[in-house]
Protein backbone atom coordinates (compact mmCIF):
# COMPACT_ATOMS: atom_id res chain seq x y z
CA MET A 1 8.46 -110.71 -27.57
CA PRO A 2 5.73 -110.35 -24.90
CA PHE A 3 2.26 -111.48 -25.95
CA VAL A 4 0.63 -108.33 -24.51
CA GLN A 5 2.35 -104.94 -24.42
CA LEU A 6 0.99 -101.65 -23.11
CA LYS A 7 3.12 -98.66 -24.03
CA GLN A 8 2.85 -95.19 -22.46
CA LEU A 9 -0.87 -95.73 -21.93
CA ASP A 10 -2.98 -92.79 -20.77
CA LYS A 11 -6.70 -92.73 -20.11
CA HIS A 12 -8.44 -89.51 -19.08
CA PHE A 13 -12.13 -89.05 -18.36
CA GLU A 14 -13.06 -85.42 -18.81
CA SER A 15 -16.12 -83.49 -17.72
CA ARG A 16 -16.85 -79.78 -17.70
CA ALA A 17 -15.65 -79.45 -14.13
CA ASP A 18 -12.92 -82.05 -13.86
CA CYS A 19 -10.47 -84.42 -15.52
CA VAL A 20 -9.94 -87.84 -13.95
CA ILE A 21 -6.68 -89.57 -14.88
CA ALA A 22 -7.50 -93.29 -14.77
CA LEU A 23 -4.16 -94.45 -16.23
CA ASN A 24 -0.98 -92.40 -16.42
CA LYS A 25 1.93 -93.35 -18.75
CA PHE A 26 1.13 -96.97 -17.97
CA GLU A 27 3.59 -99.64 -19.13
CA LEU A 28 3.09 -103.40 -18.90
CA ALA A 29 4.35 -106.50 -20.70
CA VAL A 30 2.70 -109.92 -20.27
CA GLU A 31 4.22 -113.16 -21.48
CA GLU A 32 2.17 -115.84 -23.22
CA GLY A 33 0.95 -118.49 -20.78
CA SER A 34 0.93 -116.10 -17.80
CA PHE A 35 -1.72 -115.98 -15.08
CA LEU A 36 -1.65 -112.30 -14.13
CA GLY A 37 -3.63 -110.87 -11.25
CA ILE A 38 -4.38 -107.14 -11.30
CA MET A 39 -5.20 -105.78 -7.86
CA GLY A 40 -5.54 -102.43 -6.14
CA PRO A 41 -8.03 -100.22 -4.31
CA SER A 42 -11.29 -99.02 -5.83
CA GLY A 43 -10.66 -96.30 -8.39
CA SER A 44 -7.06 -97.36 -9.06
CA GLY A 45 -7.72 -98.05 -12.76
CA LYS A 46 -8.12 -101.85 -12.74
CA SER A 47 -11.38 -102.15 -14.68
CA THR A 48 -10.41 -99.32 -17.04
CA LEU A 49 -7.22 -101.20 -17.83
CA LEU A 50 -9.14 -104.41 -18.55
CA SER A 51 -11.62 -102.57 -20.79
CA ILE A 52 -8.76 -101.06 -22.79
CA LEU A 53 -7.06 -104.46 -23.06
CA GLY A 54 -10.34 -105.85 -24.37
CA GLY A 55 -10.63 -103.28 -27.12
CA LEU A 56 -13.72 -101.77 -25.49
CA CYS A 57 -12.41 -98.41 -24.31
CA HIS A 58 -10.16 -96.26 -26.49
CA PRO A 59 -7.10 -94.93 -24.62
CA THR A 60 -6.37 -91.21 -24.59
CA ALA A 61 -2.79 -91.94 -25.67
CA GLY A 62 -0.39 -94.87 -26.01
CA LYS A 63 -0.47 -98.28 -27.65
CA VAL A 64 -1.95 -101.67 -26.85
CA LEU A 65 -0.29 -104.57 -28.67
CA VAL A 66 -1.61 -108.13 -28.50
CA ASP A 67 0.39 -110.69 -30.48
CA ASP A 68 2.10 -107.64 -32.05
CA ILE A 69 -1.27 -106.29 -33.27
CA ASP A 70 -1.88 -102.62 -32.48
CA ILE A 71 -5.54 -103.05 -31.57
CA TYR A 72 -6.38 -99.34 -31.52
CA GLY A 73 -4.75 -98.95 -34.91
CA LEU A 74 -7.55 -101.16 -36.27
CA SER A 75 -10.87 -99.93 -37.60
CA SER A 76 -13.94 -100.54 -35.41
CA GLU A 77 -14.93 -103.48 -37.60
CA GLN A 78 -11.42 -104.95 -37.52
CA ARG A 79 -11.31 -104.52 -33.75
CA ALA A 80 -14.59 -106.42 -33.40
CA ASP A 81 -13.07 -109.23 -35.48
CA PHE A 82 -9.99 -109.13 -33.26
CA ARG A 83 -12.10 -109.50 -30.10
CA ARG A 84 -13.90 -112.52 -31.56
CA GLU A 85 -10.68 -114.28 -32.53
CA TYR A 86 -8.32 -113.32 -29.70
CA LEU A 87 -10.33 -112.62 -26.56
CA GLY A 88 -12.61 -114.36 -24.14
CA PHE A 89 -14.37 -112.23 -21.51
CA VAL A 90 -15.54 -113.40 -18.08
CA PHE A 91 -17.49 -110.96 -15.88
CA GLN A 92 -18.62 -110.91 -12.26
CA SER A 93 -22.26 -110.57 -13.32
CA PHE A 94 -22.04 -113.63 -15.62
CA ASN A 95 -24.02 -111.79 -18.38
CA LEU A 96 -25.95 -114.91 -19.32
CA ILE A 97 -29.13 -114.65 -21.40
CA PRO A 98 -31.88 -115.80 -19.00
CA TYR A 99 -34.11 -117.50 -21.58
CA LEU A 100 -31.28 -119.50 -23.20
CA THR A 101 -29.97 -122.81 -21.88
CA ALA A 102 -26.37 -123.24 -20.78
CA LEU A 103 -25.60 -124.81 -24.17
CA GLU A 104 -27.25 -121.95 -26.07
CA ASN A 105 -25.46 -119.32 -23.99
CA VAL A 106 -22.11 -120.93 -24.75
CA MET A 107 -22.98 -121.08 -28.46
CA LEU A 108 -23.46 -117.29 -28.69
CA PRO A 109 -19.86 -116.40 -29.70
CA LEU A 110 -20.16 -118.93 -32.53
CA ALA A 111 -23.14 -117.14 -34.11
CA VAL A 112 -20.99 -115.36 -36.70
CA LYS A 113 -19.01 -118.45 -37.65
CA LYS A 114 -19.91 -120.29 -40.83
CA LEU A 115 -20.44 -123.63 -39.17
CA ALA A 116 -23.33 -126.07 -39.13
CA THR A 117 -25.57 -125.78 -36.08
CA ALA A 118 -24.71 -129.35 -35.12
CA GLU A 119 -21.00 -128.46 -35.06
CA LYS A 120 -21.66 -125.38 -32.92
CA LYS A 121 -23.62 -127.53 -30.46
CA ARG A 122 -20.78 -130.06 -30.39
CA MET A 123 -18.20 -127.35 -29.66
CA ALA A 124 -20.36 -125.81 -26.92
CA ALA A 125 -21.08 -129.19 -25.32
CA GLU A 126 -17.38 -130.05 -25.38
CA VAL A 127 -16.32 -126.90 -23.56
CA LEU A 128 -19.16 -127.28 -21.01
CA LYS A 129 -17.82 -130.76 -20.33
CA ARG A 130 -14.36 -129.24 -19.90
CA VAL A 131 -15.66 -126.96 -17.11
CA GLY A 132 -17.57 -129.79 -15.43
CA LEU A 133 -21.10 -129.02 -16.63
CA ALA A 134 -21.83 -131.80 -19.11
CA HIS A 135 -24.87 -132.75 -17.02
CA ARG A 136 -26.33 -129.20 -16.99
CA ILE A 137 -26.31 -128.21 -20.66
CA ALA A 138 -30.12 -128.03 -20.95
CA HIS A 139 -30.62 -125.92 -17.81
CA LEU A 140 -31.55 -122.25 -17.83
CA PRO A 141 -29.39 -119.80 -15.82
CA ASN A 142 -31.99 -119.53 -13.01
CA GLN A 143 -31.77 -123.31 -12.61
CA LEU A 144 -28.02 -123.11 -11.95
CA SER A 145 -26.06 -122.13 -8.84
CA GLY A 146 -23.85 -119.05 -8.87
CA GLY A 147 -20.76 -121.19 -9.36
CA GLU A 148 -22.40 -123.09 -12.21
CA GLN A 149 -23.40 -119.83 -13.89
CA GLU A 150 -19.80 -118.65 -13.63
CA ARG A 151 -18.65 -121.90 -15.22
CA VAL A 152 -21.07 -121.33 -18.10
CA ALA A 153 -19.61 -117.83 -18.50
CA ILE A 154 -16.09 -119.31 -18.56
CA ALA A 155 -17.17 -121.94 -21.10
CA ARG A 156 -18.63 -119.18 -23.30
CA ALA A 157 -15.30 -117.34 -23.10
CA LEU A 158 -13.42 -120.49 -24.11
CA VAL A 159 -15.62 -121.79 -26.94
CA ASN A 160 -13.75 -119.86 -29.66
CA ASN A 161 -10.44 -121.12 -28.24
CA PRO A 162 -9.10 -117.55 -27.79
CA PRO A 163 -5.45 -117.09 -26.84
CA LEU A 164 -6.28 -114.54 -24.12
CA ILE A 165 -8.90 -114.63 -21.34
CA LEU A 166 -9.81 -111.37 -19.57
CA ALA A 167 -11.68 -111.83 -16.29
CA ASP A 168 -13.20 -108.96 -14.28
CA GLU A 169 -13.90 -109.92 -10.64
CA PRO A 170 -15.12 -113.41 -11.61
CA THR A 171 -15.39 -114.53 -7.97
CA GLY A 172 -16.70 -111.23 -6.59
CA SER A 173 -20.27 -112.42 -6.05
CA LEU A 174 -19.47 -116.00 -5.00
CA ASP A 175 -19.03 -117.58 -1.57
CA ILE A 176 -15.56 -118.69 -0.45
CA ALA A 177 -15.93 -122.37 -1.35
CA THR A 178 -17.36 -121.62 -4.80
CA SER A 179 -14.68 -118.97 -5.40
CA GLU A 180 -12.02 -121.58 -4.71
CA GLU A 181 -13.63 -123.95 -7.21
CA ILE A 182 -13.65 -121.26 -9.90
CA MET A 183 -10.04 -120.26 -9.20
CA GLU A 184 -9.01 -123.92 -9.38
CA LEU A 185 -10.65 -124.06 -12.81
CA PHE A 186 -8.73 -120.98 -13.97
CA LYS A 187 -5.56 -122.56 -12.57
CA GLU A 188 -6.19 -125.72 -14.62
CA LEU A 189 -6.82 -123.70 -17.78
CA ASN A 190 -3.61 -121.76 -17.23
CA ALA A 191 -1.68 -125.01 -16.69
CA GLU A 192 -2.94 -126.08 -20.12
CA GLY A 193 -1.34 -122.96 -21.62
CA GLN A 194 -4.15 -120.40 -21.46
CA THR A 195 -3.03 -116.79 -20.91
CA ILE A 196 -5.27 -115.17 -18.29
CA ILE A 197 -5.41 -111.60 -17.01
CA MET A 198 -7.74 -111.21 -14.04
CA VAL A 199 -8.87 -108.16 -12.11
CA THR A 200 -9.72 -109.02 -8.51
CA HIS A 201 -10.03 -107.36 -5.11
CA ASN A 202 -9.98 -110.72 -3.30
CA ASP A 203 -6.74 -111.38 -1.42
CA GLU A 204 -7.69 -115.07 -1.20
CA ASN A 205 -7.00 -115.33 -4.95
CA ARG A 206 -3.36 -114.27 -4.64
CA PRO A 207 -1.83 -117.78 -4.42
CA TYR A 208 -3.26 -118.75 -7.80
CA PHE A 209 -1.40 -116.09 -9.81
CA ASP A 210 2.15 -116.39 -11.10
CA ARG A 211 2.38 -112.59 -11.17
CA ILE A 212 0.54 -109.82 -9.31
CA VAL A 213 0.45 -106.21 -10.45
CA VAL A 214 -0.98 -103.76 -7.91
CA LEU A 215 -2.36 -100.47 -9.25
CA ARG A 216 -2.71 -97.22 -7.37
CA ASP A 217 -3.87 -93.93 -8.90
CA GLY A 218 -3.43 -95.17 -12.45
CA VAL A 219 0.15 -96.42 -12.13
CA ILE A 220 1.81 -99.65 -11.00
CA ASP A 221 2.45 -99.59 -7.27
CA SER A 222 4.09 -103.03 -7.21
CA ASP A 223 4.81 -105.83 -9.66
CA ASN A 224 5.62 -109.23 -8.21
CA ALA A 225 6.41 -112.13 -10.48
CA ARG A 226 6.75 -115.30 -8.46
CA ILE A 227 6.02 -119.00 -8.23
CA PRO A 228 2.59 -119.32 -6.58
CA LYS A 229 2.19 -121.08 -3.29
CA ALA A 230 0.64 -124.51 -3.32
CA VAL A 231 -3.14 -124.31 -3.34
CA ALA A 232 -5.09 -127.11 -1.69
């Protein structure tokens, strides 16, 4: 059974004058351990799809199943618990708290866990080491480069060891060299078994994915599952 299943998914945004169909009878199945790239022109429904996958935007119709859990069949409180246990989010804007250190930013998802502070610090430090930032744990976001801030954001997404990472344009604000470093990191995480679904407009990221779904006007325009090309 696929790890993620979207069934007959609709999303409409209605105003007094208009109704925008962001997703139309959308169907998608994603296997565990996949590295899926979602691409398409602006307005094709990419970010809406990721928001719905993340339990942040209720669909107009259809079902979203993750690990056979119907996430929009859950109460709001249950869905919040689901997000904490199952999902890690990585955004283009990093969303780091400016007055917290890298270590403290990574510890944020652990706030609700009944663990000693020392254990939370250990877990955060361990995942920062995993993304190559063991030497920067005491730095504030404004003391870090863009690539380092993105690595902190990835570490924060990983600290709860979620089975699914959702990434929205994580290299969109980075230069080419730094983008390659971040994509290499995602590639390593995927090789370790992490399931990743990434929205991107950057064609340079294509070789890293094992599957690319291209959206257009709220439907799948193409779906290419393939072995990625070698990436230097």
